[in-house]
Amino acid sequence: MTDIYESPDKGETVYVRKFGSSIREEVQKTPDPRTSDGRPLHEHIMENKMWGEIRRLSKTNVPLADALDKVKMIYALIKKENN
C-alpha cells in the first residue's frame, strides 16, 4: 500500500498514513524547518517535485528533453572540474 506524507505547517511537522486510511503517525518535527542553505524544507520538497515533473514531461517534449540534456551536461562538467 502507498504511504501518503502530509504536513499541515509547510514541513515543520510531517505525518505519514497509508492510502485510504485516516490514521496517521508523526514522522518529523523540527523547531526550525530550514535546511542547510537556509530555505524552508517545504521549498526543497516543492523544488524536488518540480524536477520530477520536468523529467517526466521531457519524455514527451523534445525541446524540454534537449534543454534537460544540456543541464545534465553542464552539471557533469562542473562536477568533473570540482573533483
PDB file of N, CA and C in Angstrom:
ATOM      1  N   MET A   1       0.837  -1.181   0.000  1.00  0.00           N
ATOM      2  CA  MET A   1       0.000   0.000   0.000  1.00  0.00           C
ATOM      3  C   MET A   1       0.888   1.253   0.000  1.00  0.00           C
ATOM      4  N   THR A   2       0.429   2.313  -0.603  1.00  0.00           N
ATOM      5  CA  THR A   2       1.195   3.535  -0.748  1.00  0.00           C
ATOM      6  C   THR A   2       1.130   4.392   0.513  1.00  0.00           C
ATOM      7  N   ASP A   3       2.288   4.940   0.893  1.00  0.00           N
ATOM      8  CA  ASP A   3       2.327   5.874   2.011  1.00  0.00           C
ATOM      9  C   ASP A   3       2.033   7.280   1.509  1.00  0.00           C
ATOM     10  N   ILE A   4       1.262   8.027   2.273  1.00  0.00           N
ATOM     11  CA  ILE A   4       0.934   9.418   1.973  1.00  0.00           C
ATOM     12  C   ILE A   4       1.590  10.263   3.060  1.00  0.00           C
ATOM     13  N   TYR A   5       2.378  11.255   2.649  1.00  0.00           N
ATOM     14  CA  TYR A   5       3.018  12.162   3.592  1.00  0.00           C
ATOM     15  C   TYR A   5       2.266  13.486   3.564  1.00  0.00           C
ATOM     16  N   GLU A   6       1.973  14.017   4.753  1.00  0.00           N
ATOM     17  CA  GLU A   6       1.210  15.255   4.861  1.00  0.00           C
ATOM     18  C   GLU A   6       1.889  16.174   5.864  1.00  0.00           C
ATOM     19  N   SER A   7       1.766  17.466   5.607  1.00  0.00           N
ATOM     20  CA  SER A   7       2.284  18.448   6.542  1.00  0.00           C
ATOM     21  C   SER A   7       1.318  19.626   6.609  1.00  0.00           C
ATOM     22  N   PRO A   8       0.724  19.852   7.771  1.00  0.00           N
ATOM     23  CA  PRO A   8      -0.208  20.964   7.901  1.00  0.00           C
ATOM     24  C   PRO A   8       0.502  22.313   8.068  1.00  0.00           C
ATOM     25  N   ASP A   9       1.833  22.286   8.285  1.00  0.00           N
ATOM     26  CA  ASP A   9       2.563  23.513   8.586  1.00  0.00           C
ATOM     27  C   ASP A   9       3.796  23.702   7.706  1.00  0.00           C
ATOM     28  N   LYS A  10       3.662  23.327   6.444  1.00  0.00           N
ATOM     29  CA  LYS A  10       4.699  23.534   5.423  1.00  0.00           C
ATOM     30  C   LYS A  10       6.031  22.886   5.777  1.00  0.00           C
ATOM     31  N   GLY A  11       5.982  21.685   6.336  1.00  0.00           N
ATOM     32  CA  GLY A  11       7.197  20.914   6.542  1.00  0.00           C
ATOM     33  C   GLY A  11       7.731  20.864   7.958  1.00  0.00           C
ATOM     34  N   GLU A  12       7.201  21.689   8.851  1.00  0.00           N
ATOM     35  CA  GLU A  12       7.715  21.651  10.225  1.00  0.00           C
ATOM     36  C   GLU A  12       7.336  20.333  10.894  1.00  0.00           C
ATOM     37  N   THR A  13       6.106  19.903  10.687  1.00  0.00           N
ATOM     38  CA  THR A  13       5.645  18.618  11.192  1.00  0.00           C
ATOM     39  C   THR A  13       5.181  17.788  10.003  1.00  0.00           C
ATOM     40  N   VAL A  14       5.664  16.562   9.917  1.00  0.00           N
ATOM     41  CA  VAL A  14       5.301  15.694   8.803  1.00  0.00           C
ATOM     42  C   VAL A  14       4.670  14.427   9.366  1.00  0.00           C
ATOM     43  N   TYR A  15       3.555  14.038   8.748  1.00  0.00           N
ATOM     44  CA  TYR A  15       2.835  12.831   9.147  1.00  0.00           C
ATOM     45  C   TYR A  15       2.810  11.859   7.976  1.00  0.00           C
ATOM     46  N   VAL A  16       2.742  10.572   8.284  1.00  0.00           N
ATOM     47  CA  VAL A  16       2.602   9.541   7.255  1.00  0.00           C
ATOM     48  C   VAL A  16       1.356   8.714   7.590  1.00  0.00           C
ATOM     49  N   ARG A  17       0.646   8.320   6.532  1.00  0.00           N
ATOM     50  CA  ARG A  17      -0.509   7.435   6.695  1.00  0.00           C
ATOM     51  C   ARG A  17      -0.595   6.559   5.461  1.00  0.00           C
ATOM     52  N   LYS A  18      -1.251   5.441   5.588  1.00  0.00           N
ATOM     53  CA  LYS A  18      -1.467   4.559   4.453  1.00  0.00           C
ATOM     54  C   LYS A  18      -2.588   5.120   3.586  1.00  0.00           C
ATOM     55  N   PHE A  19      -2.483   4.959   2.286  1.00  0.00           N
ATOM     56  CA  PHE A  19      -3.508   5.421   1.363  1.00  0.00           C
ATOM     57  C   PHE A  19      -4.852   4.826   1.774  1.00  0.00           C
ATOM     58  N   GLY A  20      -5.859   5.672   1.894  1.00  0.00           N
ATOM     59  CA  GLY A  20      -7.194   5.228   2.256  1.00  0.00           C
ATOM     60  C   GLY A  20      -7.465   5.203   3.745  1.00  0.00           C
ATOM     61  N   SER A  21      -6.420   5.417   4.539  1.00  0.00           N
ATOM     62  CA  SER A  21      -6.578   5.399   5.995  1.00  0.00           C
ATOM     63  C   SER A  21      -6.586   6.829   6.531  1.00  0.00           C
ATOM     64  N   SER A  22      -7.252   7.033   7.644  1.00  0.00           N
ATOM     65  CA  SER A  22      -7.222   8.347   8.293  1.00  0.00           C
ATOM     66  C   SER A  22      -6.292   8.343   9.497  1.00  0.00           C
ATOM     67  N   ILE A  23      -5.709   7.193   9.798  1.00  0.00           N
ATOM     68  CA  ILE A  23      -4.780   7.090  10.925  1.00  0.00           C
ATOM     69  C   ILE A  23      -3.395   7.501  10.450  1.00  0.00           C
ATOM     70  N   ARG A  24      -2.816   8.491  11.106  1.00  0.00           N
ATOM     71  CA  ARG A  24      -1.504   8.976  10.691  1.00  0.00           C
ATOM     72  C   ARG A  24      -0.549   8.973  11.870  1.00  0.00           C
ATOM     73  N   GLU A  25       0.737   8.968  11.544  1.00  0.00           N
ATOM     74  CA  GLU A  25       1.791   8.915  12.542  1.00  0.00           C
ATOM     75  C   GLU A  25       2.787  10.038  12.250  1.00  0.00           C
ATOM     76  N   GLU A  26       3.196  10.737  13.288  1.00  0.00           N
ATOM     77  CA  GLU A  26       4.166  11.814  13.113  1.00  0.00           C
ATOM     78  C   GLU A  26       5.528  11.201  12.813  1.00  0.00           C
ATOM     79  N   VAL A  27       6.168  11.691  11.751  1.00  0.00           N
ATOM     80  CA  VAL A  27       7.484  11.169  11.389  1.00  0.00           C
ATOM     81  C   VAL A  27       8.579  12.220  11.495  1.00  0.00           C
ATOM     82  N   GLN A  28       8.207  13.499  11.587  1.00  0.00           N
ATOM     83  CA  GLN A  28       9.216  14.546  11.682  1.00  0.00           C
ATOM     84  C   GLN A  28       8.628  15.766  12.345  1.00  0.00           C
ATOM     85  N   LYS A  29       9.384  16.333  13.259  1.00  0.00           N
ATOM     86  CA  LYS A  29       9.033  17.626  13.821  1.00  0.00           C
ATOM     87  C   LYS A  29      10.327  18.329  14.144  1.00  0.00           C
ATOM     88  N   THR A  30      10.501  19.476  13.582  1.00  0.00           N
ATOM     89  CA  THR A  30      11.721  20.236  13.829  1.00  0.00           C
ATOM     90  C   THR A  30      11.339  21.621  14.309  1.00  0.00           C
ATOM     91  N   PRO A  31      12.097  22.173  15.246  1.00  0.00           N
ATOM     92  CA  PRO A  31      11.790  23.516  15.710  1.00  0.00           C
ATOM     93  C   PRO A  31      12.010  24.563  14.616  1.00  0.00           C
ATOM     94  N   ASP A  32      12.983  24.332  13.740  1.00  0.00           N
ATOM     95  CA  ASP A  32      13.246  25.228  12.617  1.00  0.00           C
ATOM     96  C   ASP A  32      13.354  24.376  11.366  1.00  0.00           C
ATOM     97  N   PRO A  33      12.338  24.414  10.488  1.00  0.00           N
ATOM     98  CA  PRO A  33      12.347  23.529   9.322  1.00  0.00           C
ATOM     99  C   PRO A  33      13.250  23.991   8.193  1.00  0.00           C
ATOM    100  N   ARG A  34      14.214  24.831   8.481  1.00  0.00           N
ATOM    101  CA  ARG A  34      15.120  25.312   7.436  1.00  0.00           C
ATOM    102  C   ARG A  34      16.242  24.311   7.213  1.00  0.00           C
ATOM    103  N   THR A  35      16.691  24.248   5.973  1.00  0.00           N
ATOM    104  CA  THR A  35      17.746  23.315   5.602  1.00  0.00           C
ATOM    105  C   THR A  35      19.082  24.048   5.617  1.00  0.00           C
ATOM    106  N   SER A  36      20.140  23.351   5.240  1.00  0.00           N
ATOM    107  CA  SER A  36      21.484  23.915   5.332  1.00  0.00           C
ATOM    108  C   SER A  36      21.675  25.174   4.478  1.00  0.00           C
ATOM    109  N   ASP A  37      20.874  25.344   3.433  1.00  0.00           N
ATOM    110  CA  ASP A  37      21.018  26.552   2.611  1.00  0.00           C
ATOM    111  C   ASP A  37      20.079  27.675   3.067  1.00  0.00           C
ATOM    112  N   GLY A  38      19.379  27.454   4.174  1.00  0.00           N
ATOM    113  CA  GLY A  38      18.535  28.495   4.737  1.00  0.00           C
ATOM    114  C   GLY A  38      17.109  28.513   4.240  1.00  0.00           C
ATOM    115  N   ARG A  39      16.812  27.687   3.229  1.00  0.00           N
ATOM    116  CA  ARG A  39      15.441  27.657   2.718  1.00  0.00           C
ATOM    117  C   ARG A  39      14.611  26.685   3.533  1.00  0.00           C
ATOM    118  N   PRO A  40      13.313  26.962   3.669  1.00  0.00           N
ATOM    119  CA  PRO A  40      12.444  26.019   4.383  1.00  0.00           C
ATOM    120  C   PRO A  40      12.382  24.673   3.672  1.00  0.00           C
ATOM    121  N   LEU A  41      12.191  23.630   4.439  1.00  0.00           N
ATOM    122  CA  LEU A  41      12.077  22.282   3.900  1.00  0.00           C
ATOM    123  C   LEU A  41      10.980  22.205   2.843  1.00  0.00           C
ATOM    124  N   HIS A  42       9.890  22.932   3.055  1.00  0.00           N
ATOM    125  CA  HIS A  42       8.784  22.935   2.099  1.00  0.00           C
ATOM    126  C   HIS A  42       9.261  23.362   0.707  1.00  0.00           C
ATOM    127  N   GLU A  43      10.142  24.362   0.640  1.00  0.00           N
ATOM    128  CA  GLU A  43      10.664  24.809  -0.659  1.00  0.00           C
ATOM    129  C   GLU A  43      11.469  23.704  -1.334  1.00  0.00           C
ATOM    130  N   HIS A  44      12.257  22.966  -0.549  1.00  0.00           N
ATOM    131  CA  HIS A  44      13.031  21.859  -1.121  1.00  0.00           C
ATOM    132  C   HIS A  44      12.114  20.775  -1.656  1.00  0.00           C
ATOM    133  N   ILE A  45      11.075  20.463  -0.912  1.00  0.00           N
ATOM    134  CA  ILE A  45      10.129  19.434  -1.353  1.00  0.00           C
ATOM    135  C   ILE A  45       9.461  19.864  -2.651  1.00  0.00           C
ATOM    136  N   MET A  46       9.027  21.121  -2.723  1.00  0.00           N
ATOM    137  CA  MET A  46       8.363  21.606  -3.934  1.00  0.00           C
ATOM    138  C   MET A  46       9.326  21.633  -5.123  1.00  0.00           C
ATOM    139  N   GLU A  47      10.594  21.990  -4.882  1.00  0.00           N
ATOM    140  CA  GLU A  47      11.575  22.002  -5.966  1.00  0.00           C
ATOM    141  C   GLU A  47      11.836  20.579  -6.467  1.00  0.00           C
ATOM    142  N   ASN A  48      11.946  19.621  -5.553  1.00  0.00           N
ATOM    143  CA  ASN A  48      12.134  18.230  -5.967  1.00  0.00           C
ATOM    144  C   ASN A  48      10.945  17.733  -6.764  1.00  0.00           C
ATOM    145  N   LYS A  49       9.752  18.115  -6.362  1.00  0.00           N
ATOM    146  CA  LYS A  49       8.549  17.738  -7.099  1.00  0.00           C
ATOM    147  C   LYS A  49       8.590  18.325  -8.518  1.00  0.00           C
ATOM    148  N   MET A  50       9.008  19.592  -8.621  1.00  0.00           N
ATOM    149  CA  MET A  50       9.093  20.245  -9.920  1.00  0.00           C
ATOM    150  C   MET A  50      10.087  19.519 -10.827  1.00  0.00           C
ATOM    151  N   TRP A  51      11.271  19.150 -10.289  1.00  0.00           N
ATOM    152  CA  TRP A  51      12.258  18.454 -11.109  1.00  0.00           C
ATOM    153  C   TRP A  51      11.741  17.096 -11.567  1.00  0.00           C
ATOM    154  N   GLY A  52      10.970  16.421 -10.718  1.00  0.00           N
ATOM    155  CA  GLY A  52      10.352  15.159 -11.132  1.00  0.00           C
ATOM    156  C   GLY A  52       9.385  15.371 -12.280  1.00  0.00           C
ATOM    157  N   GLU A  53       8.595  16.431 -12.197  1.00  0.00           N
ATOM    158  CA  GLU A  53       7.656  16.746 -13.273  1.00  0.00           C
ATOM    159  C   GLU A  53       8.387  17.102 -14.556  1.00  0.00           C
ATOM    160  N   ILE A  54       9.497  17.825 -14.429  1.00  0.00           N
ATOM    161  CA  ILE A  54      10.304  18.178 -15.610  1.00  0.00           C
ATOM    162  C   ILE A  54      10.830  16.914 -16.276  1.00  0.00           C
ATOM    163  N   ARG A  55      11.368  15.984 -15.477  1.00  0.00           N
ATOM    164  CA  ARG A  55      11.894  14.740 -16.056  1.00  0.00           C
ATOM    165  C   ARG A  55      10.799  13.942 -16.757  1.00  0.00           C
ATOM    166  N   ARG A  56       9.624  13.860 -16.137  1.00  0.00           N
ATOM    167  CA  ARG A  56       8.526  13.110 -16.761  1.00  0.00           C
ATOM    168  C   ARG A  56       8.064  13.781 -18.052  1.00  0.00           C
ATOM    169  N   LEU A  57       7.897  15.093 -18.034  1.00  0.00           N
ATOM    170  CA  LEU A  57       7.431  15.813 -19.218  1.00  0.00           C
ATOM    171  C   LEU A  57       8.463  15.773 -20.345  1.00  0.00           C
ATOM    172  N   SER A  58       9.753  15.719 -19.984  1.00  0.00           N
ATOM    173  CA  SER A  58      10.796  15.710 -21.014  1.00  0.00           C
ATOM    174  C   SER A  58      10.764  14.436 -21.858  1.00  0.00           C
ATOM    175  N   LYS A  59      10.073  13.401 -21.379  1.00  0.00           N
ATOM    176  CA  LYS A  59       9.974  12.160 -22.148  1.00  0.00           C
ATOM    177  C   LYS A  59       9.079  12.310 -23.375  1.00  0.00           C
ATOM    178  N   THR A  60       8.211  13.328 -23.354  1.00  0.00           N
ATOM    179  CA  THR A  60       7.291  13.537 -24.481  1.00  0.00           C
ATOM    180  C   THR A  60       7.424  14.926 -25.100  1.00  0.00           C
ATOM    181  N   ASN A  61       8.353  15.739 -24.618  1.00  0.00           N
ATOM    182  CA  ASN A  61       8.514  17.101 -25.118  1.00  0.00           C
ATOM    183  C   ASN A  61       9.967  17.279 -25.544  1.00  0.00           C
ATOM    184  N   VAL A  62      10.211  17.307 -26.839  1.00  0.00           N
ATOM    185  CA  VAL A  62      11.568  17.339 -27.388  1.00  0.00           C
ATOM    186  C   VAL A  62      12.356  18.574 -26.944  1.00  0.00           C
ATOM    187  N   PRO A  63      11.804  19.802 -27.037  1.00  0.00           N
ATOM    188  CA  PRO A  63      12.587  20.962 -26.591  1.00  0.00           C
ATOM    189  C   PRO A  63      12.980  20.870 -25.105  1.00  0.00           C
ATOM    190  N   LEU A  64      12.074  20.373 -24.289  1.00  0.00           N
ATOM    191  CA  LEU A  64      12.397  20.229 -22.868  1.00  0.00           C
ATOM    192  C   LEU A  64      13.451  19.146 -22.669  1.00  0.00           C
ATOM    193  N   ALA A  65      13.363  18.052 -23.400  1.00  0.00           N
ATOM    194  CA  ALA A  65      14.370  16.982 -23.312  1.00  0.00           C
ATOM    195  C   ALA A  65      15.741  17.509 -23.714  1.00  0.00           C
ATOM    196  N   ASP A  66      15.798  18.319 -24.778  1.00  0.00           N
ATOM    197  CA  ASP A  66      17.071  18.909 -25.216  1.00  0.00           C
ATOM    198  C   ASP A  66      17.645  19.830 -24.141  1.00  0.00           C
ATOM    199  N   ALA A  67      16.801  20.661 -23.557  1.00  0.00           N
ATOM    200  CA  ALA A  67      17.260  21.577 -22.511  1.00  0.00           C
ATOM    201  C   ALA A  67      17.748  20.804 -21.292  1.00  0.00           C
ATOM    202  N   LEU A  68      17.043  19.750 -20.932  1.00  0.00           N
ATOM    203  CA  LEU A  68      17.437  18.946 -19.785  1.00  0.00           C
ATOM    204  C   LEU A  68      18.760  18.236 -20.054  1.00  0.00           C
ATOM    205  N   ASP A  69      18.973  17.770 -21.276  1.00  0.00           N
ATOM    206  CA  ASP A  69      20.256  17.157 -21.637  1.00  0.00           C
ATOM    207  C   ASP A  69      21.397  18.156 -21.483  1.00  0.00           C
ATOM    208  N   LYS A  70      21.161  19.413 -21.866  1.00  0.00           N
ATOM    209  CA  LYS A  70      22.189  20.443 -21.717  1.00  0.00           C
ATOM    210  C   LYS A  70      22.486  20.709 -20.242  1.00  0.00           C
ATOM    211  N   VAL A  71      21.461  20.763 -19.428  1.00  0.00           N
ATOM    212  CA  VAL A  71      21.655  20.965 -17.987  1.00  0.00           C
ATOM    213  C   VAL A  71      22.480  19.819 -17.410  1.00  0.00           C
ATOM    214  N   LYS A  72      22.159  18.589 -17.807  1.00  0.00           N
ATOM    215  CA  LYS A  72      22.898  17.424 -17.315  1.00  0.00           C
ATOM    216  C   LYS A  72      24.360  17.483 -17.741  1.00  0.00           C
ATOM    217  N   MET A  73      24.621  17.922 -18.974  1.00  0.00           N
ATOM    218  CA  MET A  73      25.988  18.022 -19.463  1.00  0.00           C
ATOM    219  C   MET A  73      26.768  19.070 -18.671  1.00  0.00           C
ATOM    220  N   ILE A  74      26.169  20.230 -18.458  1.00  0.00           N
ATOM    221  CA  ILE A  74      26.827  21.290 -17.686  1.00  0.00           C
ATOM    222  C   ILE A  74      27.103  20.806 -16.273  1.00  0.00           C
ATOM    223  N   TYR A  75      26.136  20.132 -15.671  1.00  0.00           N
ATOM    224  CA  TYR A  75      26.315  19.591 -14.327  1.00  0.00           C
ATOM    225  C   TYR A  75      27.495  18.618 -14.283  1.00  0.00           C
ATOM    226  N   ALA A  76      27.566  17.715 -15.262  1.00  0.00           N
ATOM    227  CA  ALA A  76      28.648  16.727 -15.300  1.00  0.00           C
ATOM    228  C   ALA A  76      30.007  17.418 -15.451  1.00  0.00           C
ATOM    229  N   LEU A  77      30.082  18.444 -16.287  1.00  0.00           N
ATOM    230  CA  LEU A  77      31.348  19.172 -16.476  1.00  0.00           C
ATOM    231  C   LEU A  77      31.771  19.874 -15.189  1.00  0.00           C
ATOM    232  N   ILE A  78      30.828  20.529 -14.522  1.00  0.00           N
ATOM    233  CA  ILE A  78      31.155  21.225 -13.271  1.00  0.00           C
ATOM    234  C   ILE A  78      31.592  20.225 -12.206  1.00  0.00           C
ATOM    235  N   LYS A  79      30.892  19.105 -12.129  1.00  0.00           N
ATOM    236  CA  LYS A  79      31.224  18.088 -11.135  1.00  0.00           C
ATOM    237  C   LYS A  79      32.627  17.528 -11.404  1.00  0.00           C
ATOM    238  N   LYS A  80      32.955  17.311 -12.695  1.00  0.00           N
ATOM    239  CA  LYS A  80      34.285  16.801 -13.053  1.00  0.00           C
ATOM    240  C   LYS A  80      35.370  17.800 -12.696  1.00  0.00           C
ATOM    241  N   GLU A  81      35.110  19.100 -12.924  1.00  0.00           N
ATOM    242  CA  GLU A  81      36.083  20.141 -12.575  1.00  0.00           C
ATOM    243  C   GLU A  81      36.354  20.194 -11.077  1.00  0.00           C
ATOM    244  N   ASN A  82      35.349  19.949 -10.289  1.00  0.00           N
ATOM    245  CA  ASN A  82      35.483  20.068  -8.836  1.00  0.00           C
ATOM    246  C   ASN A  82      36.077  18.836  -8.170  1.00  0.00           C
ATOM    247  N   ASN A  83      36.295  17.776  -8.917  1.00  0.00           N
ATOM    248  CA  ASN A  83      36.895  16.553  -8.337  1.00  0.00           C
ATOM    249  C   ASN A  83      38.356  16.505  -8.537  1.00  0.00           C
TER     250      ASN A  83
END
